[in-house]
N, C-alpha and C. Protein backbone atom coordinates (compact mmCIF):
# COMPACT_ATOMS: atom_id res chain seq x y z
N MET A 1 20.41 6.40 1.98
CA MET A 1 20.34 6.01 0.77
C MET A 1 21.21 4.96 -0.05
N ASP A 2 20.77 3.61 -0.49
CA ASP A 2 21.99 3.19 -1.40
C ASP A 2 21.14 2.33 -2.42
N TRP A 3 22.46 1.71 -2.94
CA TRP A 3 21.55 0.91 -4.35
C TRP A 3 22.69 -0.55 -4.79
N ILE A 4 21.60 -0.92 -4.91
CA ILE A 4 22.87 -2.35 -5.38
C ILE A 4 21.79 -2.87 -6.55
N PRO A 5 22.88 -3.39 -7.83
CA PRO A 5 22.19 -4.02 -8.80
C PRO A 5 21.43 -4.88 -8.68
N TYR A 6 19.55 -4.71 -9.28
CA TYR A 6 18.84 -5.97 -9.43
C TYR A 6 18.46 -6.51 -10.98
N GLY A 7 20.48 -7.60 -10.92
CA GLY A 7 19.31 -7.79 -12.52
C GLY A 7 20.72 -6.12 -13.27
N PRO A 8 21.13 -6.77 -14.70
CA PRO A 8 21.48 -5.72 -15.11
C PRO A 8 21.40 -4.66 -15.52
N HIS A 9 20.19 -4.50 -16.12
CA HIS A 9 19.16 -3.45 -16.55
C HIS A 9 18.84 -2.27 -14.71
N ALA A 10 18.81 -3.49 -13.61
CA ALA A 10 17.64 -3.03 -12.73
C ALA A 10 18.16 -2.73 -10.91
N ALA A 11 17.84 -1.69 -10.76
CA ALA A 11 18.77 -0.52 -9.40
C ALA A 11 17.66 -1.48 -8.12
N LEU A 12 18.00 -1.38 -6.99
CA LEU A 12 16.82 -1.54 -5.69
C LEU A 12 18.02 -0.28 -4.57
N VAL A 13 16.85 0.66 -4.64
CA VAL A 13 16.78 1.95 -3.81
C VAL A 13 16.60 1.23 -2.87
N ARG A 14 17.12 1.13 -1.15
CA ARG A 14 16.85 1.64 -0.26
C ARG A 14 17.19 3.32 0.27
N PHE A 15 15.63 3.37 0.75
CA PHE A 15 15.27 4.89 0.24
C PHE A 15 15.32 4.59 2.86
N ALA A 16 14.85 3.75 2.90
CA ALA A 16 14.81 3.97 4.78
C ALA A 16 15.25 2.32 5.77
N ASP A 17 15.87 2.43 6.36
CA ASP A 17 15.97 1.58 7.31
C ASP A 17 14.93 0.30 8.00
N ALA A 18 13.24 1.14 7.99
CA ALA A 18 12.73 0.14 8.70
C ALA A 18 11.39 1.57 8.04
N VAL A 19 9.94 0.93 8.44
CA VAL A 19 8.63 1.29 7.92
C VAL A 19 8.60 2.06 9.28
N GLY A 20 8.01 3.66 9.04
CA GLY A 20 7.37 4.65 9.74
C GLY A 20 6.98 5.85 9.03
N ASP A 21 6.80 7.62 9.69
CA ASP A 21 6.51 7.92 9.29
C ASP A 21 7.34 8.62 8.00
N LYS A 22 9.04 8.60 8.39
CA LYS A 22 9.90 9.19 7.85
C LYS A 22 9.59 8.52 6.58
N ALA A 23 10.14 6.94 6.30
CA ALA A 23 10.08 5.99 5.44
C ALA A 23 9.21 6.35 4.48
N PHE A 24 7.20 6.79 5.50
CA PHE A 24 6.30 6.94 3.47
C PHE A 24 6.21 8.48 3.00
N ALA A 25 7.15 9.19 3.98
CA ALA A 25 7.61 10.51 3.47
C ALA A 25 8.62 10.65 2.07
N ARG A 26 9.36 10.03 2.92
CA ARG A 26 10.46 9.58 1.24
C ARG A 26 10.07 8.52 0.75
N ALA A 27 8.47 7.74 0.77
CA ALA A 27 8.54 6.98 -0.66
C ALA A 27 7.64 7.26 -0.90
N SER A 28 6.37 8.15 -0.53
CA SER A 28 6.02 9.51 -1.27
C SER A 28 6.66 10.93 -2.27
N ALA A 29 8.38 11.21 -1.87
CA ALA A 29 7.93 12.27 -2.41
C ALA A 29 9.12 11.82 -3.60
N ILE A 30 10.17 9.91 -3.72
CA ILE A 30 9.95 9.85 -4.71
C ILE A 30 9.81 8.94 -5.76
N ARG A 31 8.66 9.02 -4.72
CA ARG A 31 7.71 8.49 -6.08
C ARG A 31 6.53 9.55 -6.81
N ALA A 32 6.50 10.72 -6.30
CA ALA A 32 6.39 11.89 -7.46
C ALA A 32 7.85 12.15 -8.15
N ALA A 33 9.10 12.00 -7.62
CA ALA A 33 9.82 12.68 -8.67
C ALA A 33 9.73 11.82 -9.43
N LEU A 34 9.66 10.40 -9.72
CA LEU A 34 10.13 10.20 -10.82
C LEU A 34 8.87 9.69 -11.75
N GLU A 35 7.27 10.29 -11.14
CA GLU A 35 6.45 10.40 -11.88
C GLU A 35 6.30 11.79 -12.76
N ARG A 36 7.18 12.63 -12.22
CA ARG A 36 7.34 13.67 -12.88
C ARG A 36 8.65 14.09 -13.58
N ASN A 37 9.54 13.83 -13.22
CA ASN A 37 10.64 13.55 -14.13
C ASN A 37 11.80 12.53 -13.57
N PRO A 38 11.46 11.10 -14.75
CA PRO A 38 11.88 10.29 -14.95
C PRO A 38 12.74 10.40 -15.17
N PRO A 39 13.50 9.28 -14.19
CA PRO A 39 15.54 9.21 -14.94
C PRO A 39 15.01 8.48 -17.24
N GLU A 40 16.20 8.70 -17.86
CA GLU A 40 16.33 8.31 -18.90
C GLU A 40 16.54 6.85 -18.54
N GLY A 41 15.66 6.92 -20.15
CA GLY A 41 15.19 4.37 -20.25
C GLY A 41 15.12 4.22 -19.02
N LEU A 42 14.11 4.83 -18.10
CA LEU A 42 13.81 4.08 -17.18
C LEU A 42 12.12 3.22 -17.19
N LEU A 43 12.31 2.25 -17.48
CA LEU A 43 11.45 1.33 -17.90
C LEU A 43 10.03 1.21 -16.78
N GLU A 44 9.94 1.00 -16.10
CA GLU A 44 8.86 0.87 -13.93
C GLU A 44 10.37 1.54 -13.23
N PHE A 45 9.43 1.44 -12.86
CA PHE A 45 9.66 1.47 -10.71
C PHE A 45 8.91 0.70 -10.01
N VAL A 46 8.98 -0.51 -8.80
CA VAL A 46 8.57 -0.57 -7.79
C VAL A 46 8.36 -0.42 -6.41
N PRO A 47 7.56 0.73 -6.04
CA PRO A 47 7.67 1.36 -4.84
C PRO A 47 7.29 0.01 -3.75
N ALA A 48 8.25 0.04 -3.13
CA ALA A 48 7.54 -0.36 -1.45
C ALA A 48 8.01 0.49 0.13
N CYS A 49 7.52 -0.30 1.24
CA CYS A 49 7.15 0.57 1.83
C CYS A 49 9.21 1.11 2.69
N THR A 50 10.17 0.32 2.19
CA THR A 50 11.90 1.34 2.60
C THR A 50 12.49 1.06 1.45
N THR A 51 12.08 1.23 -0.32
CA THR A 51 12.10 0.42 -0.98
C THR A 51 11.61 1.04 -2.20
N VAL A 52 12.47 0.68 -3.18
CA VAL A 52 12.00 0.99 -4.71
C VAL A 52 12.67 0.67 -5.63
N LEU A 53 12.34 -0.26 -5.90
CA LEU A 53 13.11 -1.23 -8.00
C LEU A 53 12.87 -0.28 -8.99
N LEU A 54 13.79 -0.23 -8.85
CA LEU A 54 14.38 0.80 -10.86
C LEU A 54 14.12 -0.27 -12.30
N GLU A 55 13.56 -0.49 -13.00
CA GLU A 55 13.53 -1.21 -14.56
C GLU A 55 14.17 -0.15 -15.40
N PHE A 56 15.50 -0.24 -16.39
CA PHE A 56 15.70 0.17 -17.21
C PHE A 56 15.56 -0.12 -18.60
N SER A 57 15.27 -0.12 -19.51
CA SER A 57 15.82 -0.59 -21.08
C SER A 57 17.14 -0.67 -21.14
N ALA A 58 17.13 -2.08 -21.69
CA ALA A 58 18.94 -2.11 -21.80
C ALA A 58 19.28 -0.98 -22.97
N ARG A 59 18.71 -0.45 -23.52
CA ARG A 59 19.77 0.13 -24.57
C ARG A 59 19.56 1.74 -23.84
N GLY A 60 18.65 1.93 -22.24
CA GLY A 60 18.56 3.17 -22.75
C GLY A 60 19.34 3.98 -21.89
N VAL A 61 20.01 2.66 -20.48
CA VAL A 61 21.16 2.80 -19.29
C VAL A 61 22.52 1.78 -20.16
N PRO A 62 23.53 3.08 -20.18
CA PRO A 62 24.79 2.67 -20.72
C PRO A 62 25.18 1.96 -19.24
N SER A 63 24.94 1.94 -18.05
CA SER A 63 25.82 1.89 -16.84
C SER A 63 25.64 2.16 -15.66
N LEU A 64 25.13 1.44 -15.10
CA LEU A 64 24.50 1.54 -13.80
C LEU A 64 25.24 2.74 -12.75
N ASP A 65 26.36 2.09 -13.15
CA ASP A 65 26.96 2.16 -11.74
C ASP A 65 28.05 4.23 -11.95
N ALA A 66 27.49 4.42 -13.48
CA ALA A 66 27.61 6.15 -13.79
C ALA A 66 25.82 7.05 -13.87
N ALA A 67 23.96 5.74 -13.65
CA ALA A 67 23.80 7.16 -13.83
C ALA A 67 23.16 6.99 -12.53
N MET A 68 23.16 5.98 -11.59
CA MET A 68 22.53 6.14 -10.62
C MET A 68 23.27 7.53 -9.56
N PRO A 69 24.25 7.57 -9.10
CA PRO A 69 24.39 8.72 -8.25
C PRO A 69 23.55 9.57 -8.31
N ASP A 70 23.60 9.98 -9.64
CA ASP A 70 22.88 10.83 -10.08
C ASP A 70 21.04 10.80 -9.00
N ILE A 71 20.78 10.49 -10.41
CA ILE A 71 19.56 9.36 -9.38
C ILE A 71 19.22 9.98 -7.85
N LEU A 72 20.59 8.58 -7.50
CA LEU A 72 20.26 9.22 -6.04
C LEU A 72 20.27 10.24 -6.14
N GLU A 73 21.02 11.53 -6.53
CA GLU A 73 20.75 12.50 -5.97
C GLU A 73 19.67 13.20 -6.16
N GLN A 74 18.82 12.54 -6.73
CA GLN A 74 17.90 13.45 -6.76
C GLN A 74 16.55 12.96 -6.26
N PHE A 75 16.97 12.37 -6.12
CA PHE A 75 15.98 11.10 -4.90
C PHE A 75 16.60 11.97 -3.53
N GLN A 76 17.31 11.95 -2.66
CA GLN A 76 17.83 12.46 -2.20
C GLN A 76 16.87 14.27 -2.09
N MET A 77 17.48 15.02 -3.25
CA MET A 77 16.18 16.25 -2.77
C MET A 77 15.10 16.06 -2.12
N ALA A 78 14.48 14.78 -2.93
CA ALA A 78 12.80 14.65 -3.53
C ALA A 78 12.62 15.18 -2.11
N ALA A 79 13.32 14.38 -1.19
CA ALA A 79 12.97 13.26 0.25
C ALA A 79 13.35 15.16 1.33
N THR A 80 13.95 15.37 0.98
CA THR A 80 13.96 17.22 1.57
C THR A 80 12.81 17.99 1.28
N LEU A 81 12.63 17.92 0.33
CA LEU A 81 11.09 18.59 -0.06
C LEU A 81 9.56 17.93 1.07
N ALA A 82 8.82 19.52 2.11
CA ALA A 82 8.18 18.48 2.62
C ALA A 82 6.68 18.74 1.04
N LEU A 83 6.10 17.72 1.48
CA LEU A 83 4.94 17.48 0.68
C LEU A 83 3.50 17.74 0.87
N PRO A 84 2.51 18.01 0.95
CA PRO A 84 1.68 18.87 1.60
C PRO A 84 0.79 16.65 1.90
N PRO A 85 -0.11 16.80 2.34
CA PRO A 85 -0.55 15.54 2.78
C PRO A 85 -1.47 15.29 2.02
N ALA A 86 -1.21 14.32 2.04
CA ALA A 86 -2.52 14.13 0.29
C ALA A 86 -4.02 13.55 1.68
N PRO A 87 -4.96 13.74 0.79
CA PRO A 87 -5.76 14.73 1.43
C PRO A 87 -6.94 12.99 1.98
N VAL A 88 -8.08 12.89 3.00
CA VAL A 88 -8.23 11.48 3.62
C VAL A 88 -8.78 10.83 2.31
N LYS A 89 -8.73 9.28 2.45
CA LYS A 89 -10.59 8.70 1.62
C LYS A 89 -10.72 8.17 2.21
N GLU A 90 -12.68 8.85 2.29
CA GLU A 90 -13.33 7.42 3.46
C GLU A 90 -13.93 6.14 2.87
N ILE A 91 -13.03 4.73 3.12
CA ILE A 91 -13.75 3.98 2.84
C ILE A 91 -14.88 3.21 4.08
N PRO A 92 -16.45 3.35 3.18
CA PRO A 92 -17.39 2.50 3.68
C PRO A 92 -16.95 0.76 3.76
N VAL A 93 -17.31 0.87 5.87
CA VAL A 93 -17.31 -0.94 6.45
C VAL A 93 -18.51 -0.65 7.37
N VAL A 94 -18.46 -2.31 6.99
CA VAL A 94 -19.52 -2.77 7.20
C VAL A 94 -18.60 -4.82 8.25
N TYR A 95 -18.88 -3.88 9.39
CA TYR A 95 -18.45 -5.06 10.34
C TYR A 95 -18.41 -6.02 10.97
N ASP A 96 -19.34 -7.25 9.51
CA ASP A 96 -19.47 -8.05 9.31
C ASP A 96 -18.54 -9.25 9.61
N GLY A 97 -17.63 -9.31 9.36
CA GLY A 97 -16.69 -10.54 9.32
C GLY A 97 -16.66 -11.62 10.09
N GLN A 98 -16.02 -12.79 8.94
CA GLN A 98 -16.67 -14.04 10.28
C GLN A 98 -15.45 -13.76 10.74
N ASP A 99 -14.20 -13.87 11.14
CA ASP A 99 -12.54 -13.58 12.31
C ASP A 99 -13.33 -12.56 13.17
N LEU A 100 -14.02 -11.66 12.81
CA LEU A 100 -14.23 -11.04 13.98
C LEU A 100 -14.65 -11.17 15.06
N GLU A 101 -14.95 -11.98 15.48
CA GLU A 101 -15.16 -12.81 16.60
C GLU A 101 -13.14 -12.95 17.09
N HIS A 102 -12.95 -13.60 16.55
CA HIS A 102 -12.05 -14.61 17.23
C HIS A 102 -10.89 -13.42 16.82
N VAL A 103 -9.98 -12.28 16.03
CA VAL A 103 -9.83 -11.43 16.30
C VAL A 103 -10.19 -10.60 18.13
N ALA A 104 -11.45 -10.47 18.51
CA ALA A 104 -11.85 -9.76 18.99
C ALA A 104 -11.30 -10.53 20.13
N HIS A 105 -11.53 -11.67 20.27
CA HIS A 105 -11.49 -12.78 21.35
C HIS A 105 -9.89 -13.17 21.32
N ALA A 106 -8.63 -13.23 20.18
CA ALA A 106 -7.25 -13.10 20.51
C ALA A 106 -6.84 -11.95 21.29
N HIS A 107 -7.71 -10.86 21.69
CA HIS A 107 -7.00 -9.80 22.27
C HIS A 107 -7.13 -9.93 23.33
N ASP A 108 -8.62 -10.06 23.63
CA ASP A 108 -9.60 -9.95 24.62
C ASP A 108 -10.45 -8.80 25.16
N LEU A 109 -10.87 -8.33 23.77
CA LEU A 109 -11.78 -7.01 22.92
C LEU A 109 -13.19 -7.78 23.01
N THR A 110 -14.04 -6.81 23.28
CA THR A 110 -15.07 -6.86 22.37
C THR A 110 -15.65 -6.64 21.14
N THR A 111 -15.59 -7.22 20.63
CA THR A 111 -15.98 -7.02 18.56
C THR A 111 -16.93 -5.56 18.75
N ALA A 112 -17.64 -4.79 19.55
CA ALA A 112 -17.76 -3.39 18.83
C ALA A 112 -16.28 -2.65 19.65
N GLU A 113 -15.44 -3.19 20.53
CA GLU A 113 -14.26 -2.92 20.43
C GLU A 113 -13.49 -2.44 19.12
N VAL A 114 -13.04 -3.36 18.97
CA VAL A 114 -12.41 -4.00 17.28
C VAL A 114 -13.05 -3.64 16.30
N CYS A 115 -14.13 -3.09 16.51
CA CYS A 115 -15.12 -2.10 14.90
C CYS A 115 -14.30 -0.92 15.54
N ARG A 116 -14.79 -0.30 17.23
CA ARG A 116 -13.74 0.56 17.26
C ARG A 116 -12.92 1.27 16.73
N LEU A 117 -11.39 0.88 17.66
CA LEU A 117 -10.24 0.69 17.45
C LEU A 117 -9.69 0.60 16.13
N HIS A 118 -11.17 -0.20 14.98
CA HIS A 118 -9.99 -0.07 13.51
C HIS A 118 -10.34 1.10 12.45
N ALA A 119 -11.80 1.55 13.24
CA ALA A 119 -12.51 2.43 12.29
C ALA A 119 -11.47 4.51 13.00
N GLU A 120 -11.58 4.34 13.63
CA GLU A 120 -10.13 5.31 14.28
C GLU A 120 -8.66 5.98 13.99
N PRO A 121 -8.31 5.10 13.78
CA PRO A 121 -6.89 5.51 12.37
C PRO A 121 -7.41 6.52 11.19
N ILE A 122 -6.40 7.10 10.89
CA ILE A 122 -6.64 7.63 9.51
C ILE A 122 -4.97 6.99 8.58
N TYR A 123 -5.27 6.03 8.02
CA TYR A 123 -4.57 5.18 7.46
C TYR A 123 -3.48 5.62 6.01
N LYS A 124 -1.80 5.34 6.13
CA LYS A 124 -1.24 5.25 4.64
C LYS A 124 -1.78 4.47 4.42
N VAL A 125 -1.48 3.79 3.26
CA VAL A 125 -1.29 3.20 2.22
C VAL A 125 0.33 3.32 1.63
N TYR A 126 0.96 2.10 2.40
CA TYR A 126 2.15 1.47 2.37
C TYR A 126 2.98 1.13 0.94
N LEU A 127 1.85 0.57 0.37
CA LEU A 127 2.51 -0.08 -0.90
C LEU A 127 0.97 -0.41 -1.24
N LEU A 128 1.31 -1.52 -2.71
CA LEU A 128 0.21 -2.18 -3.60
C LEU A 128 1.36 -2.98 -3.97
N GLY A 129 0.71 -4.43 -2.89
CA GLY A 129 0.76 -5.55 -3.71
C GLY A 129 -0.37 -6.89 -3.91
N PHE A 130 0.42 -8.06 -3.44
CA PHE A 130 -0.14 -9.88 -3.33
C PHE A 130 -1.67 -9.15 -4.68
N ALA A 131 -2.80 -9.01 -4.92
CA ALA A 131 -3.09 -9.24 -5.86
C ALA A 131 -3.84 -7.83 -6.15
N PRO A 132 -4.19 -7.05 -7.55
CA PRO A 132 -4.06 -5.48 -8.31
C PRO A 132 -4.54 -4.58 -7.25
N GLY A 133 -3.94 -3.52 -6.74
CA GLY A 133 -4.15 -2.44 -6.36
C GLY A 133 -4.12 -2.92 -4.10
N PHE A 134 -4.44 -4.66 -3.63
CA PHE A 134 -4.20 -4.00 -2.99
C PHE A 134 -3.56 -3.64 -2.06
N PRO A 135 -4.83 -2.29 -1.34
CA PRO A 135 -3.54 -1.82 -0.74
C PRO A 135 -3.21 -2.54 1.32
N TYR A 136 -1.32 -1.97 1.20
CA TYR A 136 -1.08 -2.53 2.51
C TYR A 136 -0.99 -1.26 4.27
N LEU A 137 -2.48 -1.08 4.75
CA LEU A 137 -2.34 -0.35 5.53
C LEU A 137 -1.38 -0.79 6.38
N GLY A 138 -0.88 0.60 7.53
CA GLY A 138 -0.31 0.70 8.10
C GLY A 138 -1.47 2.68 8.78
N ASP A 139 -1.35 2.92 9.69
CA ASP A 139 -0.95 2.23 11.48
C ASP A 139 -2.03 1.30 12.31
N LEU A 140 -1.97 0.46 11.77
CA LEU A 140 -3.60 -0.13 12.81
C LEU A 140 -2.48 -0.12 14.15
N ASP A 141 -3.76 -0.07 15.17
CA ASP A 141 -3.30 -0.14 16.13
C ASP A 141 -3.02 -0.60 16.61
N ALA A 142 -2.29 -1.11 17.73
CA ALA A 142 -1.32 -2.19 18.21
C ALA A 142 -1.95 -3.29 18.92
N ARG A 143 -3.37 -2.99 18.95
CA ARG A 143 -3.79 -3.63 19.90
C ARG A 143 -5.08 -5.23 19.56
N LEU A 144 -4.61 -4.01 17.47
CA LEU A 144 -5.85 -5.67 16.94
C LEU A 144 -4.38 -5.84 15.95
N HIS A 145 -3.11 -6.07 16.03
CA HIS A 145 -1.60 -6.56 15.84
C HIS A 145 -2.99 -8.33 16.23
N THR A 146 -2.99 -8.95 14.70
CA THR A 146 -3.17 -10.74 14.69
C THR A 146 -2.29 -11.24 13.93
N PRO A 147 -1.85 -11.81 13.92
CA PRO A 147 -1.25 -13.49 13.16
C PRO A 147 -2.05 -14.15 11.89
N ARG A 148 -1.13 -13.67 10.58
CA ARG A 148 -2.39 -14.32 9.30
C ARG A 148 -2.90 -16.16 9.61
N LEU A 149 -3.98 -16.00 8.97
CA LEU A 149 -4.18 -17.58 10.02
C LEU A 149 -3.03 -18.72 8.95
N ALA A 150 -3.38 -19.57 10.13
CA ALA A 150 -2.68 -20.94 9.92
C ALA A 150 -2.60 -21.51 8.26
N THR A 151 -4.10 -21.67 8.21
CA THR A 151 -4.23 -22.15 7.05
C THR A 151 -5.21 -21.19 5.87
N PRO A 152 -4.55 -21.00 4.97
CA PRO A 152 -5.15 -19.87 4.46
C PRO A 152 -6.26 -20.68 3.70
N ARG A 153 -7.64 -19.36 3.02
CA ARG A 153 -9.26 -19.82 3.31
C ARG A 153 -8.07 -19.79 1.18
N ALA A 154 -9.38 -20.59 0.50
CA ALA A 154 -9.55 -20.70 -0.87
C ALA A 154 -10.51 -19.86 -1.57
N ARG A 155 -10.39 -18.92 -1.26
CA ARG A 155 -11.07 -17.77 -2.00
C ARG A 155 -11.52 -17.31 -0.46
N VAL A 156 -11.43 -15.63 -1.00
CA VAL A 156 -12.07 -14.32 0.10
C VAL A 156 -12.66 -13.49 -0.97
N PRO A 157 -13.72 -12.80 -0.38
CA PRO A 157 -14.39 -12.26 -1.78
C PRO A 157 -13.59 -10.68 -1.40
N ALA A 158 -13.74 -10.56 -2.97
CA ALA A 158 -13.59 -9.37 -3.54
C ALA A 158 -14.23 -8.31 -2.07
N GLY A 159 -13.36 -7.26 -1.47
CA GLY A 159 -14.11 -5.79 -0.61
C GLY A 159 -14.42 -6.44 1.02
N SER A 160 -13.15 -7.35 0.64
CA SER A 160 -12.84 -7.91 2.15
C SER A 160 -12.61 -7.05 2.80
N VAL A 161 -13.12 -6.53 4.19
CA VAL A 161 -12.17 -5.59 5.26
C VAL A 161 -11.03 -6.56 5.89
N ALA A 162 -9.42 -6.83 6.09
CA ALA A 162 -8.91 -7.50 6.43
C ALA A 162 -7.88 -7.49 7.84
N ILE A 163 -7.46 -7.62 8.64
CA ILE A 163 -6.06 -7.59 9.04
C ILE A 163 -4.92 -8.87 9.46
N GLY A 164 -3.70 -8.51 9.19
CA GLY A 164 -3.07 -9.52 8.62
C GLY A 164 -1.31 -8.77 9.67
N GLY A 165 -1.08 -10.22 10.13
CA GLY A 165 -0.15 -9.03 11.24
C GLY A 165 -0.65 -7.92 11.84
N GLN A 166 0.66 -6.58 11.39
CA GLN A 166 0.30 -5.10 12.32
C GLN A 166 -0.56 -4.31 10.69
N HIS A 167 -0.66 -5.08 9.92
CA HIS A 167 -0.97 -3.97 8.88
C HIS A 167 -2.85 -4.76 8.84
N THR A 168 -3.48 -4.05 7.95
CA THR A 168 -5.39 -4.27 6.83
C THR A 168 -5.36 -4.20 5.82
N GLY A 169 -5.94 -4.34 5.82
CA GLY A 169 -6.26 -4.03 3.88
C GLY A 169 -7.68 -4.40 3.51
N ILE A 170 -7.88 -4.01 2.54
CA ILE A 170 -9.20 -4.24 1.77
C ILE A 170 -8.32 -5.61 0.26
N TYR A 171 -9.04 -6.76 0.22
CA TYR A 171 -9.19 -8.20 -1.16
C TYR A 171 -10.03 -6.53 -2.20
N THR A 172 -9.02 -6.56 -3.20
CA THR A 172 -8.74 -6.54 -4.74
C THR A 172 -10.04 -7.30 -4.78
N VAL A 173 -9.99 -8.22 -5.20
CA VAL A 173 -10.75 -9.59 -6.62
C VAL A 173 -10.80 -11.03 -5.19
N ASP A 174 -11.22 -11.79 -5.67
CA ASP A 174 -11.25 -12.73 -5.77
C ASP A 174 -10.64 -13.31 -5.52
N CYS A 175 -10.01 -13.83 -4.35
CA CYS A 175 -8.54 -14.83 -4.88
C CYS A 175 -8.59 -15.11 -3.23
N PRO A 176 -7.43 -16.42 -3.54
CA PRO A 176 -7.08 -17.40 -1.78
C PRO A 176 -5.76 -15.97 -1.20
N GLY A 177 -6.93 -16.04 -0.25
CA GLY A 177 -5.83 -15.69 1.10
C GLY A 177 -6.25 -15.91 3.21
N GLY A 178 -4.99 -15.23 3.49
CA GLY A 178 -5.27 -15.54 5.09
C GLY A 178 -5.18 -14.31 5.92
N TRP A 179 -5.34 -13.54 5.79
CA TRP A 179 -6.34 -12.63 6.72
C TRP A 179 -7.02 -12.53 7.22
N ASN A 180 -7.69 -12.13 9.10
CA ASN A 180 -7.91 -12.04 9.88
C ASN A 180 -9.10 -11.38 8.69
N ILE A 181 -10.42 -11.83 8.68
CA ILE A 181 -11.61 -11.60 7.65
C ILE A 181 -12.84 -9.93 9.01
N ILE A 182 -12.66 -8.79 8.24
CA ILE A 182 -13.75 -8.69 10.00
C ILE A 182 -14.56 -7.71 9.43
N GLY A 183 -15.07 -7.00 8.40
CA GLY A 183 -15.66 -7.02 7.52
C GLY A 183 -15.55 -6.76 6.16
N HIS A 184 -17.21 -6.11 5.60
CA HIS A 184 -16.18 -6.13 3.95
C HIS A 184 -16.98 -3.90 3.38
N THR A 185 -16.00 -3.95 2.15
CA THR A 185 -17.09 -2.51 2.01
C THR A 185 -17.15 -2.63 0.45
N PRO A 186 -18.34 -1.97 0.06
CA PRO A 186 -19.13 -2.06 -1.31
C PRO A 186 -18.27 -0.85 -2.00
N ALA A 187 -17.12 -0.08 -1.48
CA ALA A 187 -16.56 0.25 -2.39
C ALA A 187 -15.52 -0.05 -3.68
N LYS A 188 -15.51 -0.49 -4.77
CA LYS A 188 -15.09 -1.19 -5.56
C LYS A 188 -13.20 -0.31 -5.13
N ILE A 189 -13.12 -1.00 -4.86
CA ILE A 189 -10.90 -0.78 -4.97
C ILE A 189 -9.82 -0.31 -6.04
N PHE A 190 -10.91 -1.98 -6.75
CA PHE A 190 -10.01 -1.93 -8.24
C PHE A 190 -11.25 -2.37 -9.00
N ASP A 191 -11.13 -1.62 -10.24
CA ASP A 191 -12.42 -1.49 -10.42
C ASP A 191 -11.75 -1.75 -11.69
N PRO A 192 -11.30 -2.60 -12.58
CA PRO A 192 -10.72 -3.13 -14.32
C PRO A 192 -11.31 -2.23 -14.94
N GLY A 193 -12.46 -1.99 -15.01
CA GLY A 193 -13.05 -1.14 -15.84
C GLY A 193 -13.75 0.26 -15.53
N ARG A 194 -12.93 1.10 -14.65
CA ARG A 194 -12.42 1.50 -14.91
C ARG A 194 -11.94 3.27 -15.62
N ARG A 195 -11.63 3.49 -15.11
CA ARG A 195 -11.35 4.70 -16.74
C ARG A 195 -11.35 6.24 -16.31
N SER A 196 -10.25 6.77 -17.01
CA SER A 196 -9.98 8.30 -16.08
C SER A 196 -10.53 9.20 -17.24
N PRO A 197 -11.04 10.64 -16.93
CA PRO A 197 -11.48 10.73 -18.28
C PRO A 197 -10.20 10.98 -19.70
N ASP A 198 -8.76 10.96 -19.62
CA ASP A 198 -8.44 10.76 -21.21
C ASP A 198 -7.55 9.75 -21.36
N GLY A 199 -8.48 8.83 -20.73
CA GLY A 199 -8.30 7.20 -20.98
C GLY A 199 -7.59 5.99 -19.69
N GLY A 200 -6.71 7.12 -19.42
CA GLY A 200 -5.20 5.59 -18.54
C GLY A 200 -6.63 5.36 -17.75
N ASP A 201 -5.49 4.07 -17.50
CA ASP A 201 -6.71 3.10 -16.80
C ASP A 201 -5.44 3.28 -15.46
N GLU A 202 -4.91 4.71 -14.54
CA GLU A 202 -4.57 4.85 -13.42
C GLU A 202 -5.87 4.44 -12.51
N ALA A 203 -7.23 4.72 -13.59
CA ALA A 203 -8.68 5.29 -12.02
C ALA A 203 -9.03 3.36 -11.58
N MET A 204 -8.87 2.66 -12.34
CA MET A 204 -8.46 1.62 -11.66
C MET A 204 -8.20 0.85 -10.08
N PHE A 205 -7.27 1.98 -10.03
CA PHE A 205 -6.54 1.70 -8.69
C PHE A 205 -8.40 2.54 -8.17
N LEU A 206 -7.97 2.68 -7.00
CA LEU A 206 -8.85 4.01 -6.16
C LEU A 206 -7.84 4.32 -5.50
N LEU A 207 -7.33 2.87 -4.93
CA LEU A 207 -6.11 3.88 -3.91
C LEU A 207 -4.23 3.90 -4.41
N LYS A 208 -3.75 3.66 -4.03
CA LYS A 208 -2.17 4.55 -4.53
C LYS A 208 -1.25 4.85 -3.00
N GLN A 209 -0.38 3.77 -3.84
CA GLN A 209 1.21 4.40 -2.64
C GLN A 209 1.20 6.36 -1.92
N GLY A 210 0.71 5.65 -1.25
CA GLY A 210 0.57 7.81 -0.65
C GLY A 210 -0.39 7.89 0.08
N ASP A 211 -1.19 7.13 -0.37
CA ASP A 211 -2.63 8.03 -0.27
C ASP A 211 -3.04 8.13 1.38
N ARG A 212 -4.19 8.23 1.82
CA ARG A 212 -4.28 8.51 3.41
C ARG A 212 -5.60 7.61 3.50
N VAL A 213 -6.29 7.18 4.37
CA VAL A 213 -7.56 6.06 3.95
C VAL A 213 -8.66 6.44 5.56
N LYS A 214 -9.72 6.28 5.81
CA LYS A 214 -10.39 6.29 6.87
C LYS A 214 -11.77 5.50 6.51
N PHE A 215 -11.53 4.36 7.64
CA PHE A 215 -12.95 3.81 7.40
C PHE A 215 -13.84 3.91 8.80
N VAL A 216 -14.93 4.58 8.13
CA VAL A 216 -16.19 4.67 7.80
C VAL A 216 -17.85 4.55 7.86
N ARG A 217 -17.82 3.37 9.45
CA ARG A 217 -18.88 2.63 9.81
C ARG A 217 -19.92 2.84 9.26
N SER A 218 -21.07 1.92 8.67
CA SER A 218 -21.83 2.56 7.88
C SER A 218 -23.14 0.99 8.73
N ASN A 219 -24.04 1.28 8.09
CA ASN A 219 -25.24 0.51 7.80
C ASN A 219 -25.73 0.77 9.47
N GLY A 220 -25.48 1.95 10.54
CA GLY A 220 -25.63 2.45 11.68
C GLY A 220 -24.81 2.03 12.83
N GLN A 221 -23.48 1.03 12.16
CA GLN A 221 -22.68 0.69 13.20
C GLN A 221 -22.10 1.74 13.97
C-alpha cells in the first residue's frame, strides 16, 4: 500500500494492484474506516477499484508527508479486519434491450443464454461513477464480456441495464452512453428526491460501493 501527492492538499492511495476479491474487500474496509473515523482535515474521499483519493482542507493538514504514514497504518489495520459480507440487493430486470441480440451473436449464444448468464451471478459494486450513482458491477461472466459500442448513443434511458467490457451496470439518468443495452429495470437507482429518515441525502443512491447485487428476471422471464 502506497500513496502519491495529488496536488498540494490531496493524496492518491493505492491499496491493490489489480481488480479482484482482495481489492474489493480492501476497498470496502477502507471506505468503512473513513466513514467511521475520518482523518483530521479530510474534506472528501473518492474510492475506486484499487485506489482512494483523499482531499484535505488547506488548513486541516499542514504536511501530507507527516500525516500519511498514520493514515496508511489505519488503512492497513482496516484491511486486515474481516468485514461481514454485505446483504444482497435484488434488482428486477426485463431482458428486452436493443443490443441483446448483438451480444448473443457476438458470443455465439442465444438470447435466452445471455439472459441466464447475466442473471446468475451475485455482483459486486466496485465503484460508482460516470453518472450519479452509476454502479460498475463485477464479476460479469467472461462469456458475456463485450466491447463498448464504437459510436456511443446520444441518449440512453435511465434504468437501462447494460454491458461494457467486463462490467455490467445500470444507467441511473438519461444520458449519452456506449454500453450494450440488454434490458431495463424499474428500480430507481438514483432518485434525487429520496431522503433518509434523518433527512440525509445518502438515500438518493440505492447502491453504494461494496454492495452485492442480484438481478432478478421479471415479467415471466
